[in-house]
C-alpha atoms as a PDB file:
ATOM      1  CA  MET A   1     -47.564  30.381  -2.840  1.00  0.00           C
ATOM      2  CA  THR A   2     -46.481  29.779   0.813  1.00  0.00           C
ATOM      3  CA  ASN A   3     -48.042  26.151   0.445  1.00  0.00           C
ATOM      4  CA  GLY A   4     -45.770  25.594  -2.702  1.00  0.00           C
ATOM      5  CA  MET A   5     -42.552  26.846  -0.981  1.00  0.00           C
ATOM      6  CA  THR A   6     -43.315  24.600   2.063  1.00  0.00           C
ATOM      7  CA  PHE A   7     -43.746  21.604  -0.190  1.00  0.00           C
ATOM      8  CA  ILE A   8     -40.384  22.336  -2.058  1.00  0.00           C
ATOM      9  CA  HIS A   9     -38.692  22.964   1.142  1.00  0.00           C
ATOM     10  CA  MET A  10     -40.003  19.599   2.661  1.00  0.00           C
ATOM     11  CA  HIS A  11     -38.958  17.878  -0.593  1.00  0.00           C
ATOM     12  CA  ILE A  12     -35.387  19.358  -0.417  1.00  0.00           C
ATOM     13  CA  HIS A  13     -35.278  18.440   3.383  1.00  0.00           C
ATOM     14  CA  LEU A  14     -36.369  14.874   2.697  1.00  0.00           C
ATOM     15  CA  SER A  15     -33.867  14.563  -0.258  1.00  0.00           C
ATOM     16  CA  TYR A  16     -30.998  15.710   1.976  1.00  0.00           C
ATOM     17  CA  ILE A  17     -32.074  13.109   4.652  1.00  0.00           C
ATOM     18  CA  HIS A  18     -32.378  10.333   2.010  1.00  0.00           C
ATOM     19  CA  THR A  19     -28.842  11.320   0.730  1.00  0.00           C
ATOM     20  CA  TYR A  20     -27.263  11.351   4.171  1.00  0.00           C
ATOM     21  CA  ILE A  21     -28.734   7.998   4.939  1.00  0.00           C
ATOM     22  CA  TYR A  22     -27.477   6.581   1.505  1.00  0.00           C
ATOM     23  CA  ILE A  23     -24.021   7.805   2.010  1.00  0.00           C
ATOM     24  CA  TYR A  24     -23.919   6.763   5.763  1.00  0.00           C
ATOM     25  CA  THR A  25     -25.179   3.179   4.744  1.00  0.00           C
ATOM     26  CA  HIS A  26     -22.636   3.060   1.789  1.00  0.00           C
ATOM     27  CA  LEU A  27     -19.790   4.010   3.876  1.00  0.00           C
ATOM     28  CA  SER A  28     -20.881   1.666   6.742  1.00  0.00           C
ATOM     29  CA  THR A  29     -21.187  -1.325   4.360  1.00  0.00           C
ATOM     30  CA  SER A  30     -17.850  -0.400   2.703  1.00  0.00           C
ATOM     31  CA  LEU A  31     -16.065  -0.143   6.057  1.00  0.00           C
ATOM     32  CA  TYR A  32     -17.574  -3.359   7.111  1.00  0.00           C
ATOM     33  CA  ILE A  33     -16.435  -5.135   3.964  1.00  0.00           C
ATOM     34  CA  HIS A  34     -12.921  -3.575   4.210  1.00  0.00           C
ATOM     35  CA  LEU A  35     -12.749  -4.814   7.770  1.00  0.00           C
ATOM     36  CA  THR A  36     -13.938  -8.136   7.197  1.00  0.00           C
ATOM     37  CA  TYR A  37     -11.515  -8.530   4.188  1.00  0.00           C
ATOM     38  CA  ALA A  38      -8.638  -7.320   6.301  1.00  0.00           C
ATOM     39  CA  HIS A  39      -9.730  -9.624   8.956  1.00  0.00           C
ATOM     40  CA  LEU A  40      -9.701 -12.639   6.556  1.00  0.00           C
ATOM     41  CA  HIS A  41      -6.317 -11.412   4.999  1.00  0.00           C
ATOM     42  CA  THR A  42      -4.616 -11.261   8.454  1.00  0.00           C
ATOM     43  CA  TYR A  43      -6.161 -14.657   9.349  1.00  0.00           C
ATOM     44  CA  SER A  44      -5.023 -16.200   6.097  1.00  0.00           C
ATOM     45  CA  PHE A  45      -1.523 -14.735   6.614  1.00  0.00           C
ATOM     46  CA  ILE A  46      -1.207 -16.071  10.059  1.00  0.00           C
ATOM     47  CA  LEU A  47      -2.493 -19.443   8.777  1.00  0.00           C
ATOM     48  CA  VAL A  48      -0.053 -19.616   5.828  1.00  0.00           C
ATOM     49  CA  HIS A  49       2.823 -18.552   8.066  1.00  0.00           C
ATOM     50  CA  THR A  50       1.887 -21.108  10.635  1.00  0.00           C
ATOM     51  CA  LEU A  51       1.909 -23.816   8.048  1.00  0.00           C
ATOM     52  CA  LEU A  52       5.186 -22.722   6.706  1.00  0.00           C
ATOM     53  CA  VAL A  53       6.814 -22.528   9.992  1.00  0.00           C
END
């Protein structure tokens, strides 16, 4: 009984870690994409502005 409970506890613990890593990776990736997109957007805006002026 104790062995089964330990296994279940370990499984829940590993699932929690896996979920945390997944969420962290997903947020980091989306943040990176967002920052890169914002950087490109700003760069293109400056480029267009410079060309127009």
